[in-house]
Amino acid sequence: MSLDSLKSAVPDYAKDLKLNLGSVIGNSDLPAQQLWGAVLATAIASRSPIVLRELEPEAKANLTPEAYSAAKSAAAIMAMNNVFYRTRHLLSDHEYGTLRAGLRMNVIGNPGVDKVDFELWSFAVSAINGCGMCLDSHEQVLRKAGVDRETIQEAFKIAAVVEAVGATLDAEAVLAAQ
């Protein structure tokens, strides 16, 4: 199970996805921890069993146990936060924005890895989940920490490709079962 087997599973009509998967993961300039944490967090966020099953072992092999756990934590906490903050933002009644969230988010303050890495993974998950408020918030934290736009774009390129590969392979699995 690996990136190569995932690429080989991508159908010919989605050749661009296969090529992009190879470039955004296989040829990334991100440090290994940032890259594989983003890959794992977005694989979880994609909700694709095929993508997660194929990418998780390689991510686990490239991450420390702390980073592996933190990447999973980023996917978990952002699954909640993206729904909460996206809903709050989309409601026309802005009074919801003044109410206390009342949700525990302790892992954001103490993720067990470098804060920049956790923010980058949270940003990537937020790209998949489509929460504009979370994207802006994490992007601002990253920029204040000195992370350049190219690095941030690498995170959402990973998110875009992982999500697209997951949607394509899951659709193919459904069609094949008919």
C-alpha atoms as a PDB file:
ATOM      1  CA  MET A   1       0.000   0.000   0.000  1.00  0.00           C
ATOM      2  CA  SER A   2       1.529   3.251  -1.102  1.00  0.00           C
ATOM      3  CA  LEU A   3       1.397   6.370  -3.158  1.00  0.00           C
ATOM      4  CA  ASP A   4       2.344   4.305  -6.215  1.00  0.00           C
ATOM      5  CA  SER A   5      -0.522   1.851  -5.766  1.00  0.00           C
ATOM      6  CA  LEU A   6      -2.929   4.754  -5.275  1.00  0.00           C
ATOM      7  CA  LYS A   7      -1.682   6.386  -8.476  1.00  0.00           C
ATOM      8  CA  SER A   8      -2.078   3.117 -10.364  1.00  0.00           C
ATOM      9  CA  ALA A   9      -5.705   2.879  -9.176  1.00  0.00           C
ATOM     10  CA  VAL A  10      -6.621   6.238 -10.724  1.00  0.00           C
ATOM     11  CA  PRO A  11      -8.536   5.623 -13.991  1.00  0.00           C
ATOM     12  CA  ASP A  12      -7.231   6.857 -17.331  1.00  0.00           C
ATOM     13  CA  TYR A  13      -9.933   9.523 -17.630  1.00  0.00           C
ATOM     14  CA  ALA A  14      -8.446  11.155 -14.500  1.00  0.00           C
ATOM     15  CA  LYS A  15      -4.817  11.066 -15.677  1.00  0.00           C
ATOM     16  CA  ASP A  16      -4.341  14.660 -14.522  1.00  0.00           C
ATOM     17  CA  LEU A  17      -5.151  13.578 -10.965  1.00  0.00           C
ATOM     18  CA  LYS A  18      -2.591  10.769 -11.178  1.00  0.00           C
ATOM     19  CA  LEU A  19       0.070  13.220 -12.361  1.00  0.00           C
ATOM     20  CA  ASN A  20      -0.894  15.793  -9.756  1.00  0.00           C
ATOM     21  CA  LEU A  21      -0.820  13.185  -6.992  1.00  0.00           C
ATOM     22  CA  GLY A  22       2.720  12.327  -7.985  1.00  0.00           C
ATOM     23  CA  SER A  23       3.805  15.945  -8.044  1.00  0.00           C
ATOM     24  CA  VAL A  24       2.122  17.330  -4.924  1.00  0.00           C
ATOM     25  CA  ILE A  25       3.187  14.398  -2.764  1.00  0.00           C
ATOM     26  CA  GLY A  26       6.041  12.716  -4.610  1.00  0.00           C
ATOM     27  CA  ASN A  27       7.874  15.903  -5.587  1.00  0.00           C
ATOM     28  CA  SER A  28       6.910  18.270  -2.780  1.00  0.00           C
ATOM     29  CA  ASP A  29       9.381  20.781  -1.385  1.00  0.00           C
ATOM     30  CA  LEU A  30       7.698  20.679   2.016  1.00  0.00           C
ATOM     31  CA  PRO A  31       9.664  19.175   4.899  1.00  0.00           C
ATOM     32  CA  ALA A  32       8.658  15.539   5.443  1.00  0.00           C
ATOM     33  CA  GLN A  33       6.672  16.229   8.623  1.00  0.00           C
ATOM     34  CA  GLN A  34       4.637  19.041   7.048  1.00  0.00           C
ATOM     35  CA  LEU A  35       4.058  17.012   3.894  1.00  0.00           C
ATOM     36  CA  TRP A  36       3.033  13.711   5.452  1.00  0.00           C
ATOM     37  CA  GLY A  37       1.005  15.371   8.199  1.00  0.00           C
ATOM     38  CA  ALA A  38      -0.933  17.251   5.512  1.00  0.00           C
ATOM     39  CA  VAL A  39      -1.331  14.047   3.503  1.00  0.00           C
ATOM     40  CA  LEU A  40      -2.672  12.111   6.495  1.00  0.00           C
ATOM     41  CA  ALA A  41      -4.972  14.899   7.713  1.00  0.00           C
ATOM     42  CA  THR A  42      -6.432  15.455   4.238  1.00  0.00           C
ATOM     43  CA  ALA A  43      -6.776  11.726   3.583  1.00  0.00           C
ATOM     44  CA  ILE A  44      -8.882  11.524   6.744  1.00  0.00           C
ATOM     45  CA  ALA A  45     -10.829  14.647   5.800  1.00  0.00           C
ATOM     46  CA  SER A  46     -11.529  13.255   2.332  1.00  0.00           C
ATOM     47  CA  ARG A  47     -13.575  10.482   3.958  1.00  0.00           C
ATOM     48  CA  SER A  48     -12.324   8.121   1.267  1.00  0.00           C
ATOM     49  CA  PRO A  49     -11.557   4.664   2.647  1.00  0.00           C
ATOM     50  CA  ILE A  50      -9.406   3.877  -0.409  1.00  0.00           C
ATOM     51  CA  VAL A  51      -7.287   7.016  -0.107  1.00  0.00           C
ATOM     52  CA  LEU A  52      -6.843   6.655   3.640  1.00  0.00           C
ATOM     53  CA  ARG A  53      -6.008   2.953   3.395  1.00  0.00           C
ATOM     54  CA  GLU A  54      -3.348   3.618   0.742  1.00  0.00           C
ATOM     55  CA  LEU A  55      -1.731   6.758   2.182  1.00  0.00           C
ATOM     56  CA  GLU A  56      -1.863   6.101   5.932  1.00  0.00           C
ATOM     57  CA  PRO A  57       0.959   3.510   6.101  1.00  0.00           C
ATOM     58  CA  GLU A  58       3.348   5.773   4.202  1.00  0.00           C
ATOM     59  CA  ALA A  59       2.341   8.752   6.340  1.00  0.00           C
ATOM     60  CA  LYS A  60       2.866   6.728   9.512  1.00  0.00           C
ATOM     61  CA  ALA A  61       6.302   5.633   8.294  1.00  0.00           C
ATOM     62  CA  ASN A  62       7.300   9.256   7.627  1.00  0.00           C
ATOM     63  CA  LEU A  63       5.955  10.811  10.833  1.00  0.00           C
ATOM     64  CA  THR A  64       6.995  10.559  14.449  1.00  0.00           C
ATOM     65  CA  PRO A  65       4.306   9.056  16.682  1.00  0.00           C
ATOM     66  CA  GLU A  66       3.600  12.574  17.992  1.00  0.00           C
ATOM     67  CA  ALA A  67       3.213  14.039  14.504  1.00  0.00           C
ATOM     68  CA  TYR A  68       1.055  11.096  13.403  1.00  0.00           C
ATOM     69  CA  SER A  69      -1.279  11.682  16.341  1.00  0.00           C
ATOM     70  CA  ALA A  70      -1.274  15.459  15.801  1.00  0.00           C
ATOM     71  CA  ALA A  71      -2.189  15.106  12.104  1.00  0.00           C
ATOM     72  CA  LYS A  72      -5.133  12.902  13.086  1.00  0.00           C
ATOM     73  CA  SER A  73      -6.044  15.449  15.761  1.00  0.00           C
ATOM     74  CA  ALA A  74      -6.000  18.241  13.165  1.00  0.00           C
ATOM     75  CA  ALA A  75      -8.452  16.277  10.999  1.00  0.00           C
ATOM     76  CA  ALA A  76     -10.677  15.544  13.993  1.00  0.00           C
ATOM     77  CA  ILE A  77     -10.834  19.027  15.498  1.00  0.00           C
ATOM     78  CA  MET A  78     -11.270  20.692  12.124  1.00  0.00           C
ATOM     79  CA  ALA A  79     -14.138  18.327  11.246  1.00  0.00           C
ATOM     80  CA  MET A  80     -15.959  19.921  14.170  1.00  0.00           C
ATOM     81  CA  ASN A  81     -14.676  23.481  13.812  1.00  0.00           C
ATOM     82  CA  ASN A  82     -15.280  23.694  10.076  1.00  0.00           C
ATOM     83  CA  VAL A  83     -18.948  22.808  10.496  1.00  0.00           C
ATOM     84  CA  PHE A  84     -19.396  25.092  13.489  1.00  0.00           C
ATOM     85  CA  TYR A  85     -17.620  28.171  12.108  1.00  0.00           C
ATOM     86  CA  ARG A  86     -18.859  27.730   8.534  1.00  0.00           C
ATOM     87  CA  THR A  87     -22.439  27.563   9.828  1.00  0.00           C
ATOM     88  CA  ARG A  88     -21.926  30.572  12.075  1.00  0.00           C
ATOM     89  CA  HIS A  89     -20.530  32.518   9.125  1.00  0.00           C
ATOM     90  CA  LEU A  90     -23.281  31.486   6.704  1.00  0.00           C
ATOM     91  CA  LEU A  91     -26.172  32.386   8.985  1.00  0.00           C
ATOM     92  CA  SER A  92     -27.648  35.769   8.151  1.00  0.00           C
ATOM     93  CA  ASP A  93     -28.234  36.399  11.873  1.00  0.00           C
ATOM     94  CA  HIS A  94     -24.816  37.682  12.925  1.00  0.00           C
ATOM     95  CA  GLU A  95     -25.751  37.486  16.612  1.00  0.00           C
ATOM     96  CA  TYR A  96     -24.540  33.858  16.536  1.00  0.00           C
ATOM     97  CA  GLY A  97     -21.053  35.242  16.081  1.00  0.00           C
ATOM     98  CA  THR A  98     -21.281  36.945  19.466  1.00  0.00           C
ATOM     99  CA  LEU A  99     -22.235  33.780  21.337  1.00  0.00           C
ATOM    100  CA  ARG A 100     -19.667  31.715  23.205  1.00  0.00           C
ATOM    101  CA  ALA A 101     -18.756  28.592  21.204  1.00  0.00           C
ATOM    102  CA  GLY A 102     -18.613  26.377  24.289  1.00  0.00           C
ATOM    103  CA  LEU A 103     -16.691  23.684  22.404  1.00  0.00           C
ATOM    104  CA  ARG A 104     -13.428  22.189  23.623  1.00  0.00           C
ATOM    105  CA  MET A 105     -10.489  22.841  21.315  1.00  0.00           C
ATOM    106  CA  ASN A 106      -7.537  22.268  23.630  1.00  0.00           C
ATOM    107  CA  VAL A 107      -5.512  20.418  20.995  1.00  0.00           C
ATOM    108  CA  ILE A 108      -5.134  23.627  18.992  1.00  0.00           C
ATOM    109  CA  GLY A 109      -3.230  25.216  21.871  1.00  0.00           C
ATOM    110  CA  ASN A 110      -1.122  22.144  22.586  1.00  0.00           C
ATOM    111  CA  PRO A 111      -0.978  19.853  19.535  1.00  0.00           C
ATOM    112  CA  GLY A 112       2.203  18.017  20.538  1.00  0.00           C
ATOM    113  CA  VAL A 113       4.115  19.220  17.449  1.00  0.00           C
ATOM    114  CA  ASP A 114       5.362  22.512  16.101  1.00  0.00           C
ATOM    115  CA  LYS A 115       2.420  24.936  16.001  1.00  0.00           C
ATOM    116  CA  VAL A 116       3.155  25.883  12.376  1.00  0.00           C
ATOM    117  CA  ASP A 117       2.843  22.263  11.251  1.00  0.00           C
ATOM    118  CA  PHE A 118      -0.464  21.833  13.074  1.00  0.00           C
ATOM    119  CA  GLU A 119      -1.796  25.095  11.637  1.00  0.00           C
ATOM    120  CA  LEU A 120      -0.782  24.021   8.129  1.00  0.00           C
ATOM    121  CA  TRP A 121      -2.600  20.691   8.535  1.00  0.00           C
ATOM    122  CA  SER A 122      -5.650  22.441   9.974  1.00  0.00           C
ATOM    123  CA  PHE A 123      -5.595  24.825   7.024  1.00  0.00           C
ATOM    124  CA  ALA A 124      -5.457  21.915   4.546  1.00  0.00           C
ATOM    125  CA  VAL A 125      -8.401  20.169   6.221  1.00  0.00           C
ATOM    126  CA  SER A 126     -10.336  23.438   6.209  1.00  0.00           C
ATOM    127  CA  ALA A 127      -9.767  23.672   2.449  1.00  0.00           C
ATOM    128  CA  ILE A 128     -11.476  20.308   1.986  1.00  0.00           C
ATOM    129  CA  ASN A 129     -14.301  21.197   4.355  1.00  0.00           C
ATOM    130  CA  GLY A 130     -14.810  24.630   2.787  1.00  0.00           C
ATOM    131  CA  CYS A 131     -14.780  26.826   5.861  1.00  0.00           C
ATOM    132  CA  GLY A 132     -13.752  30.323   4.792  1.00  0.00           C
ATOM    133  CA  MET A 133     -13.483  31.639   8.344  1.00  0.00           C
ATOM    134  CA  CYS A 134     -11.156  28.787   9.324  1.00  0.00           C
ATOM    135  CA  LEU A 135      -9.102  29.196   6.159  1.00  0.00           C
ATOM    136  CA  ASP A 136      -8.621  32.898   6.852  1.00  0.00           C
ATOM    137  CA  SER A 137      -7.835  32.307  10.511  1.00  0.00           C
ATOM    138  CA  HIS A 138      -5.223  29.595   9.904  1.00  0.00           C
ATOM    139  CA  GLU A 139      -3.718  31.457   6.949  1.00  0.00           C
ATOM    140  CA  GLN A 140      -3.250  34.561   9.103  1.00  0.00           C
ATOM    141  CA  VAL A 141      -1.564  32.558  11.869  1.00  0.00           C
ATOM    142  CA  LEU A 142       0.728  30.914   9.327  1.00  0.00           C
ATOM    143  CA  ARG A 143       1.632  34.209   7.654  1.00  0.00           C
ATOM    144  CA  LYS A 144       2.347  35.827  11.065  1.00  0.00           C
ATOM    145  CA  ALA A 145       4.657  32.892  11.802  1.00  0.00           C
ATOM    146  CA  GLY A 146       6.596  33.686   8.616  1.00  0.00           C
ATOM    147  CA  VAL A 147       5.206  30.936   6.396  1.00  0.00           C
ATOM    148  CA  ASP A 148       5.272  32.014   2.762  1.00  0.00           C
ATOM    149  CA  ARG A 149       2.325  31.849   0.392  1.00  0.00           C
ATOM    150  CA  GLU A 150       3.976  29.123  -1.666  1.00  0.00           C
ATOM    151  CA  THR A 151       4.077  26.794   1.347  1.00  0.00           C
ATOM    152  CA  ILE A 152       0.464  27.558   2.205  1.00  0.00           C
ATOM    153  CA  GLN A 153      -0.517  26.922  -1.403  1.00  0.00           C
ATOM    154  CA  GLU A 154       1.265  23.554  -1.266  1.00  0.00           C
ATOM    155  CA  ALA A 155      -1.066  22.593   1.591  1.00  0.00           C
ATOM    156  CA  PHE A 156      -4.222  23.404  -0.340  1.00  0.00           C
ATOM    157  CA  LYS A 157      -2.842  21.764  -3.473  1.00  0.00           C
ATOM    158  CA  ILE A 158      -2.417  18.571  -1.446  1.00  0.00           C
ATOM    159  CA  ALA A 159      -5.961  18.981  -0.120  1.00  0.00           C
ATOM    160  CA  ALA A 160      -7.376  19.519  -3.606  1.00  0.00           C
ATOM    161  CA  VAL A 161      -5.659  16.528  -5.146  1.00  0.00           C
ATOM    162  CA  VAL A 162      -6.297  14.139  -2.242  1.00  0.00           C
ATOM    163  CA  GLU A 163      -9.976  15.124  -2.212  1.00  0.00           C
ATOM    164  CA  ALA A 164     -10.311  14.725  -5.991  1.00  0.00           C
ATOM    165  CA  VAL A 165      -8.581  11.335  -6.011  1.00  0.00           C
ATOM    166  CA  GLY A 166     -10.824  10.183  -3.171  1.00  0.00           C
ATOM    167  CA  ALA A 167     -13.995  11.297  -4.949  1.00  0.00           C
ATOM    168  CA  THR A 168     -12.890   9.644  -8.184  1.00  0.00           C
ATOM    169  CA  LEU A 169     -11.860   6.320  -6.658  1.00  0.00           C
ATOM    170  CA  ASP A 170     -14.911   6.133  -4.416  1.00  0.00           C
ATOM    171  CA  ALA A 171     -17.146   6.743  -7.432  1.00  0.00           C
ATOM    172  CA  GLU A 172     -15.328   4.043  -9.384  1.00  0.00           C
ATOM    173  CA  ALA A 173     -15.789   1.605  -6.481  1.00  0.00           C
ATOM    174  CA  VAL A 174     -19.537   2.276  -6.441  1.00  0.00           C
ATOM    175  CA  LEU A 175     -19.813   1.913 -10.205  1.00  0.00           C
ATOM    176  CA  ALA A 176     -17.808  -1.318 -10.174  1.00  0.00           C
ATOM    177  CA  ALA A 177     -20.135  -2.797  -7.536  1.00  0.00           C
ATOM    178  CA  GLN A 178     -23.225  -2.311  -9.703  1.00  0.00           C
END
